[in-house]
PDB file of N, CA and C in Angstrom:
ATOM      1  N   MET A   1      -5.732  16.424 -12.084  1.00  0.00           N
ATOM      2  CA  MET A   1      -4.572  16.136 -11.094  1.00  0.00           C
ATOM      3  C   MET A   1      -4.617  15.155  -9.936  1.00  0.00           C
ATOM      4  N   ASN A   2      -5.963  14.797  -9.291  1.00  0.00           N
ATOM      5  CA  ASN A   2      -6.218  13.667  -8.374  1.00  0.00           C
ATOM      6  C   ASN A   2      -5.488  12.711  -8.721  1.00  0.00           C
ATOM      7  N   ILE A   3      -6.342  12.310  -9.951  1.00  0.00           N
ATOM      8  CA  ILE A   3      -5.494  10.910 -10.209  1.00  0.00           C
ATOM      9  C   ILE A   3      -3.948  10.779 -10.487  1.00  0.00           C
ATOM     10  N   LEU A   4      -3.712  11.623 -11.060  1.00  0.00           N
ATOM     11  CA  LEU A   4      -1.816  12.034 -10.996  1.00  0.00           C
ATOM     12  C   LEU A   4      -1.309  11.681  -9.808  1.00  0.00           C
ATOM     13  N   ALA A   5      -1.664  12.510  -8.813  1.00  0.00           N
ATOM     14  CA  ALA A   5      -1.487  12.177  -7.723  1.00  0.00           C
ATOM     15  C   ALA A   5      -1.336  10.697  -6.823  1.00  0.00           C
ATOM     16  N   TRP A   6      -2.443  10.025  -7.045  1.00  0.00           N
ATOM     17  CA  TRP A   6      -2.739   8.478  -7.033  1.00  0.00           C
ATOM     18  C   TRP A   6      -1.580   7.851  -7.293  1.00  0.00           C
ATOM     19  N   ILE A   7      -1.232   8.284  -8.559  1.00  0.00           N
ATOM     20  CA  ILE A   7      -0.414   7.428  -9.616  1.00  0.00           C
ATOM     21  C   ILE A   7       0.904   7.574  -8.978  1.00  0.00           C
ATOM     22  N   ILE A   8       1.210   8.385  -8.839  1.00  0.00           N
ATOM     23  CA  ILE A   8       2.584   9.239  -8.117  1.00  0.00           C
ATOM     24  C   ILE A   8       2.782   8.405  -6.813  1.00  0.00           C
ATOM     25  N   LEU A   9       1.701   8.779  -6.051  1.00  0.00           N
ATOM     26  CA  LEU A   9       1.819   8.057  -4.501  1.00  0.00           C
ATOM     27  C   LEU A   9       1.650   6.479  -4.266  1.00  0.00           C
ATOM     28  N   GLY A  10       1.113   6.128  -5.441  1.00  0.00           N
ATOM     29  CA  GLY A  10       1.030   4.615  -5.473  1.00  0.00           C
ATOM     30  C   GLY A  10       2.508   3.815  -5.982  1.00  0.00           C
ATOM     31  N   LEU A  11       3.301   4.560  -7.076  1.00  0.00           N
ATOM     32  CA  LEU A  11       4.531   4.351  -7.446  1.00  0.00           C
ATOM     33  C   LEU A  11       5.610   4.386  -6.480  1.00  0.00           C
ATOM     34  N   ILE A  12       5.504   5.427  -5.785  1.00  0.00           N
ATOM     35  CA  ILE A  12       6.452   5.920  -4.413  1.00  0.00           C
ATOM     36  C   ILE A  12       6.235   4.651  -3.731  1.00  0.00           C
ATOM     37  N   ALA A  13       5.096   4.425  -3.004  1.00  0.00           N
ATOM     38  CA  ALA A  13       4.643   3.718  -1.656  1.00  0.00           C
ATOM     39  C   ALA A  13       4.837   2.358  -2.321  1.00  0.00           C
ATOM     40  N   GLY A  14       4.697   2.023  -3.580  1.00  0.00           N
ATOM     41  CA  GLY A  14       4.829   0.612  -4.025  1.00  0.00           C
ATOM     42  C   GLY A  14       6.329   0.018  -4.111  1.00  0.00           C
ATOM     43  N   ALA A  15       6.716   1.100  -4.434  1.00  0.00           N
ATOM     44  CA  ALA A  15       8.500   0.816  -5.041  1.00  0.00           C
ATOM     45  C   ALA A  15       9.060   0.613  -3.707  1.00  0.00           C
ATOM     46  N   ILE A  16       9.084   1.600  -2.252  1.00  0.00           N
ATOM     47  CA  ILE A  16       9.379   1.468  -1.080  1.00  0.00           C
ATOM     48  C   ILE A  16       9.218   0.410  -0.716  1.00  0.00           C
ATOM     49  N   ALA A  17       7.636  -0.215  -0.451  1.00  0.00           N
ATOM     50  CA  ALA A  17       7.411  -1.426   0.105  1.00  0.00           C
ATOM     51  C   ALA A  17       8.152  -2.922  -0.212  1.00  0.00           C
ATOM     52  N   LYS A  18       8.262  -2.540  -1.966  1.00  0.00           N
ATOM     53  CA  LYS A  18       8.714  -3.625  -2.477  1.00  0.00           C
ATOM     54  C   LYS A  18      10.480  -4.191  -1.997  1.00  0.00           C
ATOM     55  N   ALA A  19      11.014  -2.617  -1.901  1.00  0.00           N
ATOM     56  CA  ALA A  19      12.480  -2.576  -1.556  1.00  0.00           C
ATOM     57  C   ALA A  19      12.397  -3.118  -0.007  1.00  0.00           C
ATOM     58  N   ILE A  20      11.328  -2.655   0.723  1.00  0.00           N
ATOM     59  CA  ILE A  20      11.675  -3.220   2.135  1.00  0.00           C
ATOM     60  C   ILE A  20      11.355  -4.701   2.609  1.00  0.00           C
ATOM     61  N   TYR A  21      10.469  -5.474   1.757  1.00  0.00           N
ATOM     62  CA  TYR A  21       9.822  -6.604   2.192  1.00  0.00           C
ATOM     63  C   TYR A  21      10.542  -7.417   1.450  1.00  0.00           C
ATOM     64  N   PRO A  22      10.923  -8.281   2.690  1.00  0.00           N
ATOM     65  CA  PRO A  22      12.055  -9.300   1.857  1.00  0.00           C
ATOM     66  C   PRO A  22      11.519 -10.314   1.041  1.00  0.00           C
ATOM     67  N   GLY A  23      11.992 -11.068  -0.076  1.00  0.00           N
ATOM     68  CA  GLY A  23      11.881 -12.264  -0.958  1.00  0.00           C
ATOM     69  C   GLY A  23      11.707 -11.364  -2.621  1.00  0.00           C
ATOM     70  N   HIS A  24      11.262 -12.178  -3.042  1.00  0.00           N
ATOM     71  CA  HIS A  24      10.883 -11.683  -4.342  1.00  0.00           C
ATOM     72  C   HIS A  24       9.477 -11.020  -4.454  1.00  0.00           C
ATOM     73  N   GLN A  25       8.997 -10.260  -5.143  1.00  0.00           N
ATOM     74  CA  GLN A  25       7.688  -9.846  -5.318  1.00  0.00           C
ATOM     75  C   GLN A  25       7.163  -9.577  -6.924  1.00  0.00           C
ATOM     76  N   GLY A  26       6.567 -10.448  -7.427  1.00  0.00           N
ATOM     77  CA  GLY A  26       6.665 -10.090  -9.156  1.00  0.00           C
ATOM     78  C   GLY A  26       5.631  -8.938  -9.094  1.00  0.00           C
ATOM     79  N   GLY A  27       5.584  -8.796 -10.182  1.00  0.00           N
ATOM     80  CA  GLY A  27       4.660  -7.831 -11.143  1.00  0.00           C
ATOM     81  C   GLY A  27       5.493  -6.464 -11.635  1.00  0.00           C
ATOM     82  N   GLY A  28       5.128  -5.469 -12.478  1.00  0.00           N
ATOM     83  CA  GLY A  28       6.136  -4.711 -12.850  1.00  0.00           C
ATOM     84  C   GLY A  28       5.468  -3.168 -12.754  1.00  0.00           C
ATOM     85  N   ILE A  29       5.933  -2.421 -13.201  1.00  0.00           N
ATOM     86  CA  ILE A  29       5.440  -1.108 -12.991  1.00  0.00           C
ATOM     87  C   ILE A  29       3.731  -1.154 -12.486  1.00  0.00           C
ATOM     88  N   LEU A  30       3.292  -1.654 -13.456  1.00  0.00           N
ATOM     89  CA  LEU A  30       1.743  -1.469 -13.204  1.00  0.00           C
ATOM     90  C   LEU A  30       1.424  -1.900 -11.507  1.00  0.00           C
ATOM     91  N   GLY A  31       2.128  -3.075 -11.207  1.00  0.00           N
ATOM     92  CA  GLY A  31       1.929  -3.993 -10.644  1.00  0.00           C
ATOM     93  C   GLY A  31       2.082  -3.197  -9.170  1.00  0.00           C
ATOM     94  N   THR A  32       3.597  -2.535  -9.042  1.00  0.00           N
ATOM     95  CA  THR A  32       3.787  -1.564  -8.243  1.00  0.00           C
ATOM     96  C   THR A  32       3.152  -0.495  -7.889  1.00  0.00           C
ATOM     97  N   ILE A  33       2.563   0.086  -8.655  1.00  0.00           N
ATOM     98  CA  ILE A  33       1.355   1.023  -8.668  1.00  0.00           C
ATOM     99  C   ILE A  33       0.218   0.825  -8.051  1.00  0.00           C
ATOM    100  N   LEU A  34      -0.550  -0.312  -8.173  1.00  0.00           N
ATOM    101  CA  LEU A  34      -1.435  -0.885  -7.630  1.00  0.00           C
ATOM    102  C   LEU A  34      -1.054  -1.349  -6.206  1.00  0.00           C
ATOM    103  N   LEU A  35      -0.305  -1.923  -6.417  1.00  0.00           N
ATOM    104  CA  LEU A  35      -0.143  -2.289  -4.836  1.00  0.00           C
ATOM    105  C   LEU A  35       0.340  -1.087  -3.567  1.00  0.00           C
ATOM    106  N   GLY A  36       1.034   0.201  -4.098  1.00  0.00           N
ATOM    107  CA  GLY A  36       1.007   1.170  -3.682  1.00  0.00           C
ATOM    108  C   GLY A  36      -0.384   1.854  -3.587  1.00  0.00           C
ATOM    109  N   ILE A  37      -1.233   1.897  -4.722  1.00  0.00           N
ATOM    110  CA  ILE A  37      -2.788   2.177  -4.172  1.00  0.00           C
ATOM    111  C   ILE A  37      -3.378   1.701  -2.976  1.00  0.00           C
ATOM    112  N   ILE A  38      -3.139   0.476  -3.428  1.00  0.00           N
ATOM    113  CA  ILE A  38      -4.054  -0.171  -2.371  1.00  0.00           C
ATOM    114  C   ILE A  38      -3.159  -0.159  -1.039  1.00  0.00           C
ATOM    115  N   GLY A  39      -1.696   0.035  -1.034  1.00  0.00           N
ATOM    116  CA  GLY A  39      -1.597  -0.079   0.714  1.00  0.00           C
ATOM    117  C   GLY A  39      -1.851   1.703   0.603  1.00  0.00           C
ATOM    118  N   ALA A  40      -2.075   2.628   0.075  1.00  0.00           N
ATOM    119  CA  ALA A  40      -2.554   3.884   0.738  1.00  0.00           C
ATOM    120  C   ALA A  40      -4.122   3.550   1.439  1.00  0.00           C
ATOM    121  N   PHE A  41      -4.650   3.029   0.557  1.00  0.00           N
ATOM    122  CA  PHE A  41      -6.137   2.947   1.194  1.00  0.00           C
ATOM    123  C   PHE A  41      -6.289   1.902   2.476  1.00  0.00           C
ATOM    124  N   ILE A  42      -5.270   0.744   2.624  1.00  0.00           N
ATOM    125  CA  ILE A  42      -4.955   0.003   4.007  1.00  0.00           C
ATOM    126  C   ILE A  42      -4.472   0.658   4.841  1.00  0.00           C
ATOM    127  N   GLY A  43      -3.334   1.389   4.646  1.00  0.00           N
ATOM    128  CA  GLY A  43      -2.943   2.635   5.621  1.00  0.00           C
ATOM    129  C   GLY A  43      -3.886   3.749   6.305  1.00  0.00           C
ATOM    130  N   GLY A  44      -4.345   4.081   4.917  1.00  0.00           N
ATOM    131  CA  GLY A  44      -5.242   5.636   5.586  1.00  0.00           C
ATOM    132  C   GLY A  44      -6.267   4.978   6.548  1.00  0.00           C
ATOM    133  N   SER A  45      -6.995   3.737   5.726  1.00  0.00           N
ATOM    134  CA  SER A  45      -8.012   3.253   6.882  1.00  0.00           C
ATOM    135  C   SER A  45      -7.721   2.425   8.053  1.00  0.00           C
ATOM    136  N   LEU A  46      -6.472   2.069   8.303  1.00  0.00           N
ATOM    137  CA  LEU A  46      -6.263   1.616   9.783  1.00  0.00           C
ATOM    138  C   LEU A  46      -5.590   3.003  10.382  1.00  0.00           C
ATOM    139  N   GLY A  47      -5.070   3.992   9.829  1.00  0.00           N
ATOM    140  CA  GLY A  47      -4.704   4.935  10.523  1.00  0.00           C
ATOM    141  C   GLY A  47      -6.082   5.883  10.743  1.00  0.00           C
ATOM    142  N   VAL A  48      -7.176   5.959  10.329  1.00  0.00           N
ATOM    143  CA  VAL A  48      -8.443   6.161  10.743  1.00  0.00           C
ATOM    144  C   VAL A  48      -8.719   5.362  11.821  1.00  0.00           C
ATOM    145  N   PHE A  49      -9.069   4.172  11.955  1.00  0.00           N
ATOM    146  CA  PHE A  49      -9.183   3.166  12.723  1.00  0.00           C
ATOM    147  C   PHE A  49      -8.777   3.245  14.322  1.00  0.00           C
ATOM    148  N   PHE A  50      -7.300   3.280  13.999  1.00  0.00           N
ATOM    149  CA  PHE A  50      -6.487   3.519  15.572  1.00  0.00           C
ATOM    150  C   PHE A  50      -6.840   5.212  15.921  1.00  0.00           C
ATOM    151  N   SER A  51      -7.151   6.084  15.177  1.00  0.00           N
ATOM    152  CA  SER A  51      -7.426   7.269  15.757  1.00  0.00           C
ATOM    153  C   SER A  51      -8.628   7.557  16.584  1.00  0.00           C
ATOM    154  N   THR A  52      -9.754   6.842  15.617  1.00  0.00           N
ATOM    155  CA  THR A  52     -11.044   7.518  15.638  1.00  0.00           C
ATOM    156  C   THR A  52     -11.692   6.409  16.776  1.00  0.00           C
ATOM    157  N   GLY A  53     -11.223   5.034  16.596  1.00  0.00           N
ATOM    158  CA  GLY A  53     -12.121   4.068  16.678  1.00  0.00           C
ATOM    159  C   GLY A  53     -13.320   3.364  15.659  1.00  0.00           C
ATOM    160  N   THR A  54     -13.001   4.029  14.612  1.00  0.00           N
ATOM    161  CA  THR A  54     -14.231   4.076  13.518  1.00  0.00           C
ATOM    162  C   THR A  54     -13.684   3.407  12.254  1.00  0.00           C
ATOM    163  N   PHE A  55     -14.191   2.362  11.655  1.00  0.00           N
ATOM    164  CA  PHE A  55     -13.907   2.163  10.537  1.00  0.00           C
ATOM    165  C   PHE A  55     -14.360   2.729   9.060  1.00  0.00           C
ATOM    166  N   ALA A  56     -13.473   3.605   8.545  1.00  0.00           N
ATOM    167  CA  ALA A  56     -13.660   4.409   7.147  1.00  0.00           C
ATOM    168  C   ALA A  56     -12.930   4.314   6.265  1.00  0.00           C
ATOM    169  N   LEU A  57     -13.062   4.204   5.008  1.00  0.00           N
ATOM    170  CA  LEU A  57     -12.123   4.001   3.697  1.00  0.00           C
ATOM    171  C   LEU A  57     -11.553   5.721   3.504  1.00  0.00           C
ATOM    172  N   ALA A  58     -10.039   5.511   3.766  1.00  0.00           N
ATOM    173  CA  ALA A  58      -9.487   6.831   3.516  1.00  0.00           C
ATOM    174  C   ALA A  58      -8.513   6.698   3.155  1.00  0.00           C
ATOM    175  N   ALA A  59      -7.679   7.486   2.482  1.00  0.00           N
ATOM    176  CA  ALA A  59      -6.557   7.253   2.163  1.00  0.00           C
ATOM    177  C   ALA A  59      -5.575   8.725   2.630  1.00  0.00           C
ATOM    178  N   PRO A  60      -4.277   8.490   2.610  1.00  0.00           N
ATOM    179  CA  PRO A  60      -3.665   9.895   2.888  1.00  0.00           C
ATOM    180  C   PRO A  60      -3.174  10.689   1.840  1.00  0.00           C
ATOM    181  N   SER A  61      -2.866  11.961   1.916  1.00  0.00           N
ATOM    182  CA  SER A  61      -2.620  12.610   0.767  1.00  0.00           C
ATOM    183  C   SER A  61      -1.023  12.599   0.506  1.00  0.00           C
ATOM    184  N   LEU A  62      -0.766  13.079  -0.948  1.00  0.00           N
ATOM    185  CA  LEU A  62       0.465  13.059  -1.308  1.00  0.00           C
ATOM    186  C   LEU A  62       1.538  14.159  -0.260  1.00  0.00           C
ATOM    187  N   SER A  63       2.044  13.796   0.774  1.00  0.00           N
ATOM    188  CA  SER A  63       2.877  14.234   1.609  1.00  0.00           C
ATOM    189  C   SER A  63       3.967  13.516   2.159  1.00  0.00           C
ATOM    190  N   ILE A  64       4.849  13.961   2.942  1.00  0.00           N
ATOM    191  CA  ILE A  64       5.687  12.826   3.636  1.00  0.00           C
ATOM    192  C   ILE A  64       4.931  11.796   4.519  1.00  0.00           C
ATOM    193  N   PRO A  65       4.530  12.273   5.262  1.00  0.00           N
ATOM    194  CA  PRO A  65       3.637  11.622   6.300  1.00  0.00           C
ATOM    195  C   PRO A  65       2.388  10.584   5.542  1.00  0.00           C
ATOM    196  N   GLY A  66       1.769  11.060   4.626  1.00  0.00           N
ATOM    197  CA  GLY A  66       0.987  10.130   3.452  1.00  0.00           C
ATOM    198  C   GLY A  66       1.868   9.477   2.869  1.00  0.00           C
ATOM    199  N   ILE A  67       3.133   9.294   2.469  1.00  0.00           N
ATOM    200  CA  ILE A  67       3.803   8.457   1.952  1.00  0.00           C
ATOM    201  C   ILE A  67       4.221   7.372   2.924  1.00  0.00           C
ATOM    202  N   LEU A  68       4.566   7.553   3.978  1.00  0.00           N
ATOM    203  CA  LEU A  68       4.955   6.677   5.045  1.00  0.00           C
ATOM    204  C   LEU A  68       3.754   5.922   5.581  1.00  0.00           C
ATOM    205  N   VAL A  69       2.394   6.271   5.492  1.00  0.00           N
ATOM    206  CA  VAL A  69       1.239   5.697   5.836  1.00  0.00           C
ATOM    207  C   VAL A  69       1.025   4.779   4.643  1.00  0.00           C
ATOM    208  N   ALA A  70       1.220   5.520   3.318  1.00  0.00           N
ATOM    209  CA  ALA A  70       0.599   4.423   1.972  1.00  0.00           C
ATOM    210  C   ALA A  70       2.061   3.002   2.295  1.00  0.00           C
ATOM    211  N   VAL A  71       3.317   3.380   2.214  1.00  0.00           N
ATOM    212  CA  VAL A  71       4.269   2.413   2.725  1.00  0.00           C
ATOM    213  C   VAL A  71       3.920   1.386   3.696  1.00  0.00           C
ATOM    214  N   LEU A  72       3.579   1.778   4.597  1.00  0.00           N
ATOM    215  CA  LEU A  72       3.338   0.794   5.536  1.00  0.00           C
ATOM    216  C   LEU A  72       1.894  -0.330   5.179  1.00  0.00           C
ATOM    217  N   GLY A  73       1.076   0.649   4.756  1.00  0.00           N
ATOM    218  CA  GLY A  73      -0.008   0.060   4.224  1.00  0.00           C
ATOM    219  C   GLY A  73       0.170  -1.004   3.142  1.00  0.00           C
ATOM    220  N   ALA A  74       0.976  -0.512   2.326  1.00  0.00           N
ATOM    221  CA  ALA A  74       1.736  -1.815   1.057  1.00  0.00           C
ATOM    222  C   ALA A  74       2.340  -3.016   1.677  1.00  0.00           C
ATOM    223  N   ILE A  75       3.238  -2.730   2.619  1.00  0.00           N
ATOM    224  CA  ILE A  75       3.927  -3.686   3.249  1.00  0.00           C
ATOM    225  C   ILE A  75       2.946  -4.634   3.812  1.00  0.00           C
ATOM    226  N   VAL A  76       1.701  -4.094   4.690  1.00  0.00           N
ATOM    227  CA  VAL A  76       0.307  -5.331   4.748  1.00  0.00           C
ATOM    228  C   VAL A  76      -0.163  -5.638   3.645  1.00  0.00           C
ATOM    229  N   ALA A  77       0.098  -5.292   2.313  1.00  0.00           N
ATOM    230  CA  ALA A  77      -0.919  -5.745   1.468  1.00  0.00           C
ATOM    231  C   ALA A  77       0.296  -6.934   0.624  1.00  0.00           C
ATOM    232  N   VAL A  78       1.418  -6.473   0.663  1.00  0.00           N
ATOM    233  CA  VAL A  78       2.178  -7.162   0.106  1.00  0.00           C
ATOM    234  C   VAL A  78       1.975  -8.804   0.873  1.00  0.00           C
ATOM    235  N   PHE A  79       2.704  -8.512   2.421  1.00  0.00           N
ATOM    236  CA  PHE A  79       2.202  -9.904   3.144  1.00  0.00           C
ATOM    237  C   PHE A  79       0.817 -10.094   3.282  1.00  0.00           C
ATOM    238  N   LEU A  80       0.148  -9.739   2.925  1.00  0.00           N
ATOM    239  CA  LEU A  80      -1.341 -10.650   2.608  1.00  0.00           C
ATOM    240  C   LEU A  80      -1.247 -11.148   1.512  1.00  0.00           C
ATOM    241  N   TRP A  81      -0.840 -10.658   0.062  1.00  0.00           N
ATOM    242  CA  TRP A  81      -0.728 -11.334  -0.752  1.00  0.00           C
ATOM    243  C   TRP A  81      -0.035 -12.137  -0.975  1.00  0.00           C
ATOM    244  N   ASN A  82       1.407 -12.166  -0.448  1.00  0.00           N
ATOM    245  CA  ASN A  82       2.333 -13.500  -0.317  1.00  0.00           C
ATOM    246  C   ASN A  82       1.615 -14.764   0.518  1.00  0.00           C
ATOM    247  N   LEU A  83       0.687 -14.559   1.534  1.00  0.00           N
ATOM    248  CA  LEU A  83       0.167 -15.226   2.457  1.00  0.00           C
ATOM    249  C   LEU A  83      -1.100 -16.134   1.793  1.00  0.00           C
ATOM    250  N   LEU A  84      -1.846 -15.221   0.922  1.00  0.00           N
ATOM    251  CA  LEU A  84      -3.167 -15.652   0.294  1.00  0.00           C
ATOM    252  C   LEU A  84      -2.362 -16.367  -0.900  1.00  0.00           C
ATOM    253  N   THR A  85      -1.201 -16.281  -1.452  1.00  0.00           N
ATOM    254  CA  THR A  85      -0.675 -17.085  -3.026  1.00  0.00           C
ATOM    255  C   THR A  85       0.051 -18.375  -2.552  1.00  0.00           C
ATOM    256  N   ARG A  86       0.632 -18.129  -1.101  1.00  0.00           N
ATOM    257  CA  ARG A  86       1.867 -19.576  -0.730  1.00  0.00           C
ATOM    258  C   ARG A  86       0.668 -20.404  -0.356  1.00  0.00           C
ATOM    259  N   SER A  87      -0.233 -20.374   0.266  1.00  0.00           N
ATOM    260  CA  SER A  87      -1.743 -20.955   0.641  1.00  0.00           C
ATOM    261  C   SER A  87      -2.156 -21.857  -0.565  1.00  0.00           C
ATOM    262  N   SER A  88      -2.448 -21.301  -1.582  1.00  0.00           N
ATOM    263  CA  SER A  88      -3.340 -21.609  -2.634  1.00  0.00           C
ATOM    264  C   SER A  88      -2.491 -22.777  -3.382  1.00  0.00           C
ATOM    265  N   ALA A  89      -1.048 -22.473  -3.277  1.00  0.00           N
ATOM    266  CA  ALA A  89       0.343 -22.805  -3.761  1.00  0.00           C
ATOM    267  C   ALA A  89       0.198 -24.516  -3.570  1.00  0.00           C
ATOM    268  N   ALA A  90       0.072 -24.195  -2.339  1.00  0.00           N
ATOM    269  CA  ALA A  90       0.420 -25.467  -1.175  1.00  0.00           C
ATOM    270  C   ALA A  90      -0.089 -26.672  -1.365  1.00  0.00           C
TER     271      ALA A  90
END
């Protein structure tokens, strides 16, 4: 059941982040899920870092605050992905 929750969290967070972030982001449904899962880990890790001052790989739960943290992390992931792909294409 935990894997199913991760897939649902990834889909929700990735879709919201793609809708918020300006411009076109490629990838289909699997790319959106992967983006959301990566965003959940980025957001959860940054949340732990800012609250405790130590770095730990963490992820939020499937709740409203968890989705918000995952969306913020997914926006960071989209920004970093666009930064990496833009610089390699130039």
